[in-house]
Amino acid sequence: HELLLASGAKKVTDNPVNDNPGGAVHLLGTARMGNDPTTSVIDKYHRAHDVKNLFIVDGSSFVTSGRGQPTMTIQALAFRAADHIADFARKGEI
């Protein structure tokens, strides 16, 4: 506080350490989406490259984090993936 006030800060507030580690972060990117199985885990339909009939439908498909809350984007991708999964099922592909 002293350094901030000495440098001319008009208002200094404390940000206490979060008591819930991981509660304020969004873990993303652990199962990247992409066309190349050597650099990604799932394809554009959320279907795993290496495991038949496995679909990973959550924030892990993001290749990076955007600005702000990702929940609505995750939900939109889940609805999109569900449509593709239903199409694959109708065609007898899964």
PDB file of N, CA and C in Angstrom:
ATOM      1  N   HIS A   1       0.807  -1.193   0.000  1.00  0.00           N
ATOM      2  CA  HIS A   1       0.000   0.000   0.000  1.00  0.00           C
ATOM      3  C   HIS A   1       0.855   1.264   0.000  1.00  0.00           C
ATOM      4  N   GLU A   2       1.917   1.231   0.808  1.00  0.00           N
ATOM      5  CA  GLU A   2       2.735   2.432   0.940  1.00  0.00           C
ATOM      6  C   GLU A   2       3.310   2.866  -0.407  1.00  0.00           C
ATOM      7  N   LEU A   3       3.799   1.916  -1.174  1.00  0.00           N
ATOM      8  CA  LEU A   3       4.392   2.231  -2.474  1.00  0.00           C
ATOM      9  C   LEU A   3       3.353   2.836  -3.416  1.00  0.00           C
ATOM     10  N   LEU A   4       2.168   2.266  -3.440  1.00  0.00           N
ATOM     11  CA  LEU A   4       1.109   2.792  -4.304  1.00  0.00           C
ATOM     12  C   LEU A   4       0.703   4.201  -3.890  1.00  0.00           C
ATOM     13  N   LEU A   5       0.515   4.395  -2.603  1.00  0.00           N
ATOM     14  CA  LEU A   5       0.125   5.717  -2.112  1.00  0.00           C
ATOM     15  C   LEU A   5       1.232   6.743  -2.357  1.00  0.00           C
ATOM     16  N   ALA A   6       2.484   6.327  -2.146  1.00  0.00           N
ATOM     17  CA  ALA A   6       3.609   7.235  -2.370  1.00  0.00           C
ATOM     18  C   ALA A   6       3.746   7.608  -3.844  1.00  0.00           C
ATOM     19  N   SER A   7       3.289   6.733  -4.730  1.00  0.00           N
ATOM     20  CA  SER A   7       3.394   7.033  -6.163  1.00  0.00           C
ATOM     21  C   SER A   7       2.195   7.804  -6.683  1.00  0.00           C
ATOM     22  N   GLY A   8       1.270   8.164  -5.777  1.00  0.00           N
ATOM     23  CA  GLY A   8       0.166   9.022  -6.179  1.00  0.00           C
ATOM     24  C   GLY A   8      -1.179   8.339  -6.339  1.00  0.00           C
ATOM     25  N   ALA A   9      -1.272   7.070  -5.967  1.00  0.00           N
ATOM     26  CA  ALA A   9      -2.561   6.379  -6.077  1.00  0.00           C
ATOM     27  C   ALA A   9      -3.589   7.074  -5.200  1.00  0.00           C
ATOM     28  N   LYS A  10      -4.772   7.298  -5.726  1.00  0.00           N
ATOM     29  CA  LYS A  10      -5.843   7.967  -4.979  1.00  0.00           C
ATOM     30  C   LYS A  10      -6.631   6.988  -4.122  1.00  0.00           C
ATOM     31  N   LYS A  11      -6.724   5.737  -4.578  1.00  0.00           N
ATOM     32  CA  LYS A  11      -7.492   4.734  -3.843  1.00  0.00           C
ATOM     33  C   LYS A  11      -6.786   3.393  -3.983  1.00  0.00           C
ATOM     34  N   VAL A  12      -6.587   2.706  -2.875  1.00  0.00           N
ATOM     35  CA  VAL A  12      -5.947   1.396  -2.870  1.00  0.00           C
ATOM     36  C   VAL A  12      -6.885   0.429  -2.163  1.00  0.00           C
ATOM     37  N   THR A  13      -7.190  -0.668  -2.814  1.00  0.00           N
ATOM     38  CA  THR A  13      -8.063  -1.676  -2.199  1.00  0.00           C
ATOM     39  C   THR A  13      -7.324  -2.993  -2.091  1.00  0.00           C
ATOM     40  N   ASP A  14      -7.707  -3.771  -1.101  1.00  0.00           N
ATOM     41  CA  ASP A  14      -7.132  -5.104  -0.918  1.00  0.00           C
ATOM     42  C   ASP A  14      -7.918  -6.122  -1.731  1.00  0.00           C
ATOM     43  N   ASN A  15      -7.208  -7.065  -2.298  1.00  0.00           N
ATOM     44  CA  ASN A  15      -7.825  -8.219  -2.941  1.00  0.00           C
ATOM     45  C   ASN A  15      -7.330  -9.450  -2.201  1.00  0.00           C
ATOM     46  N   PRO A  16      -8.128  -9.945  -1.254  1.00  0.00           N
ATOM     47  CA  PRO A  16      -7.666 -11.092  -0.464  1.00  0.00           C
ATOM     48  C   PRO A  16      -7.467 -12.327  -1.345  1.00  0.00           C
ATOM     49  N   VAL A  17      -6.589 -13.200  -0.893  1.00  0.00           N
ATOM     50  CA  VAL A  17      -6.346 -14.456  -1.598  1.00  0.00           C
ATOM     51  C   VAL A  17      -7.629 -15.273  -1.588  1.00  0.00           C
ATOM     52  N   ASN A  18      -7.939 -15.865  -2.705  1.00  0.00           N
ATOM     53  CA  ASN A  18      -9.145 -16.677  -2.839  1.00  0.00           C
ATOM     54  C   ASN A  18      -9.043 -17.918  -1.958  1.00  0.00           C
ATOM     55  N   ASP A  19     -10.056 -18.141  -1.110  1.00  0.00           N
ATOM     56  CA  ASP A  19     -10.085 -19.317  -0.244  1.00  0.00           C
ATOM     57  C   ASP A  19     -10.437 -20.591  -1.007  1.00  0.00           C
ATOM     58  N   ASN A  20     -10.859 -20.451  -2.264  1.00  0.00           N
ATOM     59  CA  ASN A  20     -11.302 -21.587  -3.059  1.00  0.00           C
ATOM     60  C   ASN A  20     -10.431 -21.703  -4.312  1.00  0.00           C
ATOM     61  N   PRO A  21      -9.227 -22.266  -4.168  1.00  0.00           N
ATOM     62  CA  PRO A  21      -8.359 -22.368  -5.346  1.00  0.00           C
ATOM     63  C   PRO A  21      -9.062 -23.112  -6.478  1.00  0.00           C
ATOM     64  N   GLY A  22      -8.990 -22.577  -7.658  1.00  0.00           N
ATOM     65  CA  GLY A  22      -9.659 -23.186  -8.796  1.00  0.00           C
ATOM     66  C   GLY A  22     -11.096 -22.753  -8.952  1.00  0.00           C
ATOM     67  N   GLY A  23     -11.648 -22.103  -7.948  1.00  0.00           N
ATOM     68  CA  GLY A  23     -13.039 -21.678  -8.000  1.00  0.00           C
ATOM     69  C   GLY A  23     -13.277 -20.461  -8.870  1.00  0.00           C
ATOM     70  N   ALA A  24     -12.226 -19.750  -9.192  1.00  0.00           N
ATOM     71  CA  ALA A  24     -12.378 -18.533  -9.986  1.00  0.00           C
ATOM     72  C   ALA A  24     -11.642 -18.626 -11.319  1.00  0.00           C
ATOM     73  N   VAL A  25     -11.322 -19.837 -11.736  1.00  0.00           N
ATOM     74  CA  VAL A  25     -10.633 -20.015 -13.011  1.00  0.00           C
ATOM     75  C   VAL A  25     -11.440 -20.958 -13.889  1.00  0.00           C
ATOM     76  N   HIS A  26     -11.176 -20.915 -15.155  1.00  0.00           N
ATOM     77  CA  HIS A  26     -11.821 -21.822 -16.098  1.00  0.00           C
ATOM     78  C   HIS A  26     -10.720 -22.659 -16.735  1.00  0.00           C
ATOM     79  N   LEU A  27     -10.692 -23.926 -16.392  1.00  0.00           N
ATOM     80  CA  LEU A  27      -9.674 -24.809 -16.936  1.00  0.00           C
ATOM     81  C   LEU A  27     -10.081 -25.200 -18.346  1.00  0.00           C
ATOM     82  N   LEU A  28      -9.292 -24.782 -19.314  1.00  0.00           N
ATOM     83  CA  LEU A  28      -9.623 -24.974 -20.722  1.00  0.00           C
ATOM     84  C   LEU A  28      -8.417 -25.536 -21.462  1.00  0.00           C
ATOM     85  N   GLY A  29      -8.681 -26.117 -22.622  1.00  0.00           N
ATOM     86  CA  GLY A  29      -7.619 -26.470 -23.543  1.00  0.00           C
ATOM     87  C   GLY A  29      -6.938 -27.802 -23.326  1.00  0.00           C
ATOM     88  N   THR A  30      -7.480 -28.689 -22.498  1.00  0.00           N
ATOM     89  CA  THR A  30      -6.821 -29.970 -22.248  1.00  0.00           C
ATOM     90  C   THR A  30      -7.148 -31.020 -23.295  1.00  0.00           C
ATOM     91  N   ALA A  31      -8.134 -30.774 -24.141  1.00  0.00           N
ATOM     92  CA  ALA A  31      -8.493 -31.695 -25.236  1.00  0.00           C
ATOM     93  C   ALA A  31      -8.761 -30.852 -26.478  1.00  0.00           C
ATOM     94  N   ARG A  32      -7.728 -30.262 -26.991  1.00  0.00           N
ATOM     95  CA  ARG A  32      -7.855 -29.287 -28.082  1.00  0.00           C
ATOM     96  C   ARG A  32      -8.601 -29.819 -29.295  1.00  0.00           C
ATOM     97  N   MET A  33      -9.351 -28.917 -29.914  1.00  0.00           N
ATOM     98  CA  MET A  33     -10.074 -29.214 -31.143  1.00  0.00           C
ATOM     99  C   MET A  33      -9.194 -28.851 -32.336  1.00  0.00           C
ATOM    100  N   GLY A  34      -9.204 -29.721 -33.341  1.00  0.00           N
ATOM    101  CA  GLY A  34      -8.448 -29.423 -34.549  1.00  0.00           C
ATOM    102  C   GLY A  34      -8.565 -30.536 -35.570  1.00  0.00           C
ATOM    103  N   ASN A  35      -8.014 -30.292 -36.737  1.00  0.00           N
ATOM    104  CA  ASN A  35      -8.068 -31.273 -37.820  1.00  0.00           C
ATOM    105  C   ASN A  35      -6.946 -32.300 -37.763  1.00  0.00           C
ATOM    106  N   ASP A  36      -5.842 -31.937 -37.143  1.00  0.00           N
ATOM    107  CA  ASP A  36      -4.654 -32.787 -37.139  1.00  0.00           C
ATOM    108  C   ASP A  36      -4.564 -33.582 -35.837  1.00  0.00           C
ATOM    109  N   PRO A  37      -4.665 -34.912 -35.909  1.00  0.00           N
ATOM    110  CA  PRO A  37      -4.591 -35.730 -34.694  1.00  0.00           C
ATOM    111  C   PRO A  37      -3.265 -35.615 -33.945  1.00  0.00           C
ATOM    112  N   THR A  38      -2.220 -35.121 -34.607  1.00  0.00           N
ATOM    113  CA  THR A  38      -0.939 -34.978 -33.909  1.00  0.00           C
ATOM    114  C   THR A  38      -0.876 -33.714 -33.060  1.00  0.00           C
ATOM    115  N   THR A  39      -1.794 -32.782 -33.292  1.00  0.00           N
ATOM    116  CA  THR A  39      -1.783 -31.530 -32.524  1.00  0.00           C
ATOM    117  C   THR A  39      -3.101 -31.265 -31.809  1.00  0.00           C
ATOM    118  N   SER A  40      -4.054 -32.186 -31.928  1.00  0.00           N
ATOM    119  CA  SER A  40      -5.355 -31.988 -31.282  1.00  0.00           C
ATOM    120  C   SER A  40      -5.917 -33.332 -30.840  1.00  0.00           C
ATOM    121  N   VAL A  41      -6.885 -33.278 -29.948  1.00  0.00           N
ATOM    122  CA  VAL A  41      -7.493 -34.489 -29.393  1.00  0.00           C
ATOM    123  C   VAL A  41      -8.816 -34.806 -30.071  1.00  0.00           C
ATOM    124  N   ILE A  42      -9.586 -33.761 -30.424  1.00  0.00           N
ATOM    125  CA  ILE A  42     -10.902 -33.969 -31.031  1.00  0.00           C
ATOM    126  C   ILE A  42     -11.013 -33.222 -32.352  1.00  0.00           C
ATOM    127  N   ASP A  43     -11.953 -33.680 -33.186  1.00  0.00           N
ATOM    128  CA  ASP A  43     -12.193 -33.005 -34.462  1.00  0.00           C
ATOM    129  C   ASP A  43     -13.256 -31.921 -34.296  1.00  0.00           C
ATOM    130  N   LYS A  44     -13.662 -31.318 -35.394  1.00  0.00           N
ATOM    131  CA  LYS A  44     -14.614 -30.204 -35.332  1.00  0.00           C
ATOM    132  C   LYS A  44     -16.002 -30.618 -34.861  1.00  0.00           C
ATOM    133  N   TYR A  45     -16.245 -31.914 -34.775  1.00  0.00           N
ATOM    134  CA  TYR A  45     -17.528 -32.413 -34.268  1.00  0.00           C
ATOM    135  C   TYR A  45     -17.428 -32.841 -32.799  1.00  0.00           C
ATOM    136  N   HIS A  46     -16.292 -32.581 -32.175  1.00  0.00           N
ATOM    137  CA  HIS A  46     -15.993 -32.963 -30.788  1.00  0.00           C
ATOM    138  C   HIS A  46     -15.747 -34.460 -30.648  1.00  0.00           C
ATOM    139  N   ARG A  47     -15.518 -35.137 -31.746  1.00  0.00           N
ATOM    140  CA  ARG A  47     -15.266 -36.581 -31.759  1.00  0.00           C
ATOM    141  C   ARG A  47     -13.768 -36.806 -31.578  1.00  0.00           C
ATOM    142  N   ALA A  48     -13.400 -37.691 -30.643  1.00  0.00           N
ATOM    143  CA  ALA A  48     -11.989 -37.979 -30.395  1.00  0.00           C
ATOM    144  C   ALA A  48     -11.346 -38.589 -31.632  1.00  0.00           C
ATOM    145  N   HIS A  49     -10.127 -38.165 -31.925  1.00  0.00           N
ATOM    146  CA  HIS A  49      -9.399 -38.712 -33.072  1.00  0.00           C
ATOM    147  C   HIS A  49      -9.057 -40.186 -32.856  1.00  0.00           C
ATOM    148  N   ASP A  50      -8.713 -40.560 -31.632  1.00  0.00           N
ATOM    149  CA  ASP A  50      -8.143 -41.883 -31.377  1.00  0.00           C
ATOM    150  C   ASP A  50      -9.052 -42.873 -30.658  1.00  0.00           C
ATOM    151  N   VAL A  51     -10.223 -42.439 -30.208  1.00  0.00           N
ATOM    152  CA  VAL A  51     -11.125 -43.340 -29.483  1.00  0.00           C
ATOM    153  C   VAL A  51     -12.486 -43.310 -30.161  1.00  0.00           C
ATOM    154  N   LYS A  52     -12.875 -44.431 -30.735  1.00  0.00           N
ATOM    155  CA  LYS A  52     -14.134 -44.498 -31.471  1.00  0.00           C
ATOM    156  C   LYS A  52     -15.317 -44.183 -30.547  1.00  0.00           C
ATOM    157  N   ASN A  53     -16.229 -43.380 -31.046  1.00  0.00           N
ATOM    158  CA  ASN A  53     -17.477 -43.020 -30.361  1.00  0.00           C
ATOM    159  C   ASN A  53     -17.281 -42.255 -29.054  1.00  0.00           C
ATOM    160  N   LEU A  54     -16.140 -41.624 -28.874  1.00  0.00           N
ATOM    161  CA  LEU A  54     -15.928 -40.757 -27.712  1.00  0.00           C
ATOM    162  C   LEU A  54     -16.057 -39.314 -28.171  1.00  0.00           C
ATOM    163  N   PHE A  55     -16.961 -38.591 -27.539  1.00  0.00           N
ATOM    164  CA  PHE A  55     -17.157 -37.172 -27.816  1.00  0.00           C
ATOM    165  C   PHE A  55     -16.833 -36.408 -26.542  1.00  0.00           C
ATOM    166  N   ILE A  56     -15.987 -35.411 -26.648  1.00  0.00           N
ATOM    167  CA  ILE A  56     -15.604 -34.587 -25.500  1.00  0.00           C
ATOM    168  C   ILE A  56     -16.246 -33.222 -25.705  1.00  0.00           C
ATOM    169  N   VAL A  57     -17.219 -32.925 -24.868  1.00  0.00           N
ATOM    170  CA  VAL A  57     -18.056 -31.741 -25.092  1.00  0.00           C
ATOM    171  C   VAL A  57     -18.011 -30.856 -23.848  1.00  0.00           C
ATOM    172  N   ASP A  58     -16.935 -30.088 -23.732  1.00  0.00           N
ATOM    173  CA  ASP A  58     -16.806 -29.140 -22.628  1.00  0.00           C
ATOM    174  C   ASP A  58     -15.751 -28.106 -23.000  1.00  0.00           C
ATOM    175  N   GLY A  59     -15.321 -27.334 -22.045  1.00  0.00           N
ATOM    176  CA  GLY A  59     -14.369 -26.268 -22.318  1.00  0.00           C
ATOM    177  C   GLY A  59     -12.972 -26.739 -22.672  1.00  0.00           C
ATOM    178  N   SER A  60     -12.711 -28.019 -22.501  1.00  0.00           N
ATOM    179  CA  SER A  60     -11.369 -28.502 -22.826  1.00  0.00           C
ATOM    180  C   SER A  60     -11.077 -28.452 -24.319  1.00  0.00           C
ATOM    181  N   SER A  61     -12.112 -28.298 -25.135  1.00  0.00           N
ATOM    182  CA  SER A  61     -11.899 -28.233 -26.588  1.00  0.00           C
ATOM    183  C   SER A  61     -11.341 -26.889 -27.044  1.00  0.00           C
ATOM    184  N   PHE A  62     -11.404 -25.879 -26.211  1.00  0.00           N
ATOM    185  CA  PHE A  62     -10.886 -24.562 -26.586  1.00  0.00           C
ATOM    186  C   PHE A  62      -9.379 -24.643 -26.809  1.00  0.00           C
ATOM    187  N   VAL A  63      -8.909 -24.010 -27.854  1.00  0.00           N
ATOM    188  CA  VAL A  63      -7.459 -23.977 -28.056  1.00  0.00           C
ATOM    189  C   VAL A  63      -6.815 -22.862 -27.241  1.00  0.00           C
ATOM    190  N   THR A  64      -7.614 -21.904 -26.816  1.00  0.00           N
ATOM    191  CA  THR A  64      -7.133 -20.836 -25.949  1.00  0.00           C
ATOM    192  C   THR A  64      -8.340 -20.208 -25.263  1.00  0.00           C
ATOM    193  N   SER A  65      -8.092 -19.389 -24.287  1.00  0.00           N
ATOM    194  CA  SER A  65      -9.178 -18.731 -23.568  1.00  0.00           C
ATOM    195  C   SER A  65      -9.414 -17.344 -24.139  1.00  0.00           C
ATOM    196  N   GLY A  66     -10.658 -17.026 -24.360  1.00  0.00           N
ATOM    197  CA  GLY A  66     -11.009 -15.685 -24.803  1.00  0.00           C
ATOM    198  C   GLY A  66     -11.177 -14.765 -23.612  1.00  0.00           C
ATOM    199  N   ARG A  67     -11.599 -13.568 -23.867  1.00  0.00           N
ATOM    200  CA  ARG A  67     -11.825 -12.613 -22.789  1.00  0.00           C
ATOM    201  C   ARG A  67     -13.208 -12.854 -22.214  1.00  0.00           C
ATOM    202  N   GLY A  68     -13.299 -12.942 -20.921  1.00  0.00           N
ATOM    203  CA  GLY A  68     -14.593 -13.043 -20.263  1.00  0.00           C
ATOM    204  C   GLY A  68     -15.046 -14.470 -20.009  1.00  0.00           C
ATOM    205  N   GLN A  69     -16.253 -14.569 -19.547  1.00  0.00           N
ATOM    206  CA  GLN A  69     -16.894 -15.809 -19.125  1.00  0.00           C
ATOM    207  C   GLN A  69     -17.116 -16.756 -20.319  1.00  0.00           C
ATOM    208  N   PRO A  70     -16.595 -18.007 -20.273  1.00  0.00           N
ATOM    209  CA  PRO A  70     -16.737 -18.918 -21.407  1.00  0.00           C
ATOM    210  C   PRO A  70     -17.996 -19.788 -21.391  1.00  0.00           C
ATOM    211  N   THR A  71     -18.824 -19.666 -20.369  1.00  0.00           N
ATOM    212  CA  THR A  71     -19.934 -20.600 -20.203  1.00  0.00           C
ATOM    213  C   THR A  71     -20.882 -20.638 -21.393  1.00  0.00           C
ATOM    214  N   MET A  72     -21.280 -19.498 -21.911  1.00  0.00           N
ATOM    215  CA  MET A  72     -22.225 -19.487 -23.032  1.00  0.00           C
ATOM    216  C   MET A  72     -21.613 -20.100 -24.291  1.00  0.00           C
ATOM    217  N   THR A  73     -20.335 -19.877 -24.499  1.00  0.00           N
ATOM    218  CA  THR A  73     -19.666 -20.479 -25.652  1.00  0.00           C
ATOM    219  C   THR A  73     -19.595 -21.990 -25.490  1.00  0.00           C
ATOM    220  N   ILE A  74     -19.296 -22.455 -24.288  1.00  0.00           N
ATOM    221  CA  ILE A  74     -19.274 -23.893 -24.018  1.00  0.00           C
ATOM    222  C   ILE A  74     -20.655 -24.491 -24.272  1.00  0.00           C
ATOM    223  N   GLN A  75     -21.702 -23.809 -23.816  1.00  0.00           N
ATOM    224  CA  GLN A  75     -23.062 -24.303 -24.043  1.00  0.00           C
ATOM    225  C   GLN A  75     -23.394 -24.346 -25.530  1.00  0.00           C
ATOM    226  N   ALA A  76     -23.012 -23.318 -26.262  1.00  0.00           N
ATOM    227  CA  ALA A  76     -23.285 -23.291 -27.705  1.00  0.00           C
ATOM    228  C   ALA A  76     -22.566 -24.435 -28.412  1.00  0.00           C
ATOM    229  N   LEU A  77     -21.313 -24.677 -28.051  1.00  0.00           N
ATOM    230  CA  LEU A  77     -20.577 -25.786 -28.649  1.00  0.00           C
ATOM    231  C   LEU A  77     -21.200 -27.131 -28.278  1.00  0.00           C
ATOM    232  N   ALA A  78     -21.719 -27.241 -27.062  1.00  0.00           N
ATOM    233  CA  ALA A  78     -22.369 -28.487 -26.639  1.00  0.00           C
ATOM    234  C   ALA A  78     -23.640 -28.742 -27.440  1.00  0.00           C
ATOM    235  N   PHE A  79     -24.445 -27.701 -27.663  1.00  0.00           N
ATOM    236  CA  PHE A  79     -25.650 -27.865 -28.488  1.00  0.00           C
ATOM    237  C   PHE A  79     -25.268 -28.263 -29.911  1.00  0.00           C
ATOM    238  N   ARG A  80     -24.242 -27.623 -30.443  1.00  0.00           N
ATOM    239  CA  ARG A  80     -23.777 -27.936 -31.798  1.00  0.00           C
ATOM    240  C   ARG A  80     -23.299 -29.385 -31.869  1.00  0.00           C
ATOM    241  N   ALA A  81     -22.502 -29.802 -30.886  1.00  0.00           N
ATOM    242  CA  ALA A  81     -22.004 -31.180 -30.861  1.00  0.00           C
ATOM    243  C   ALA A  81     -23.155 -32.173 -30.742  1.00  0.00           C
ATOM    244  N   ALA A  82     -24.153 -31.850 -29.929  1.00  0.00           N
ATOM    245  CA  ALA A  82     -25.308 -32.745 -29.769  1.00  0.00           C
ATOM    246  C   ALA A  82     -26.033 -32.945 -31.092  1.00  0.00           C
ATOM    247  N   ASP A  83     -26.169 -31.880 -31.866  1.00  0.00           N
ATOM    248  CA  ASP A  83     -26.793 -32.002 -33.191  1.00  0.00           C
ATOM    249  C   ASP A  83     -25.993 -32.950 -34.082  1.00  0.00           C
ATOM    250  N   HIS A  84     -24.678 -32.821 -34.068  1.00  0.00           N
ATOM    251  CA  HIS A  84     -23.835 -33.698 -34.887  1.00  0.00           C
ATOM    252  C   HIS A  84     -23.901 -35.142 -34.389  1.00  0.00           C
ATOM    253  N   ILE A  85     -23.901 -35.329 -33.080  1.00  0.00           N
ATOM    254  CA  ILE A  85     -23.989 -36.682 -32.521  1.00  0.00           C
ATOM    255  C   ILE A  85     -25.299 -37.333 -32.942  1.00  0.00           C
ATOM    256  N   ALA A  86     -26.394 -36.580 -32.889  1.00  0.00           N
ATOM    257  CA  ALA A  86     -27.695 -37.107 -33.327  1.00  0.00           C
ATOM    258  C   ALA A  86     -27.656 -37.473 -34.808  1.00  0.00           C
ATOM    259  N   ASP A  87     -27.031 -36.633 -35.629  1.00  0.00           N
ATOM    260  CA  ASP A  87     -26.898 -36.937 -37.063  1.00  0.00           C
ATOM    261  C   ASP A  87     -26.088 -38.212 -37.282  1.00  0.00           C
ATOM    262  N   PHE A  88     -24.972 -38.352 -36.576  1.00  0.00           N
ATOM    263  CA  PHE A  88     -24.157 -39.562 -36.706  1.00  0.00           C
ATOM    264  C   PHE A  88     -24.964 -40.798 -36.304  1.00  0.00           C
ATOM    265  N   ALA A  89     -25.761 -40.673 -35.246  1.00  0.00           N
ATOM    266  CA  ALA A  89     -26.579 -41.803 -34.786  1.00  0.00           C
ATOM    267  C   ALA A  89     -27.637 -42.168 -35.826  1.00  0.00           C
ATOM    268  N   ARG A  90     -28.285 -41.167 -36.403  1.00  0.00           N
ATOM    269  CA  ARG A  90     -29.300 -41.434 -37.439  1.00  0.00           C
ATOM    270  C   ARG A  90     -28.703 -42.148 -38.649  1.00  0.00           C
ATOM    271  N   LYS A  91     -27.463 -41.816 -38.966  1.00  0.00           N
ATOM    272  CA  LYS A  91     -26.786 -42.422 -40.117  1.00  0.00           C
ATOM    273  C   LYS A  91     -26.167 -43.782 -39.775  1.00  0.00           C
ATOM    274  N   GLY A  92     -26.262 -44.174 -38.502  1.00  0.00           N
ATOM    275  CA  GLY A  92     -25.675 -45.441 -38.076  1.00  0.00           C
ATOM    276  C   GLY A  92     -24.162 -45.413 -37.963  1.00  0.00           C
ATOM    277  N   GLU A  93     -23.599 -44.230 -37.840  1.00  0.00           N
ATOM    278  CA  GLU A  93     -22.142 -44.093 -37.769  1.00  0.00           C
ATOM    279  C   GLU A  93     -21.604 -44.258 -36.351  1.00  0.00           C
ATOM    280  N   ILE A  94     -22.497 -44.249 -35.387  1.00  0.00           N
ATOM    281  CA  ILE A  94     -22.072 -44.489 -33.997  1.00  0.00           C
ATOM    282  C   ILE A  94     -23.031 -45.475 -33.359  1.00  0.00           C
TER     283      ILE A  94
END
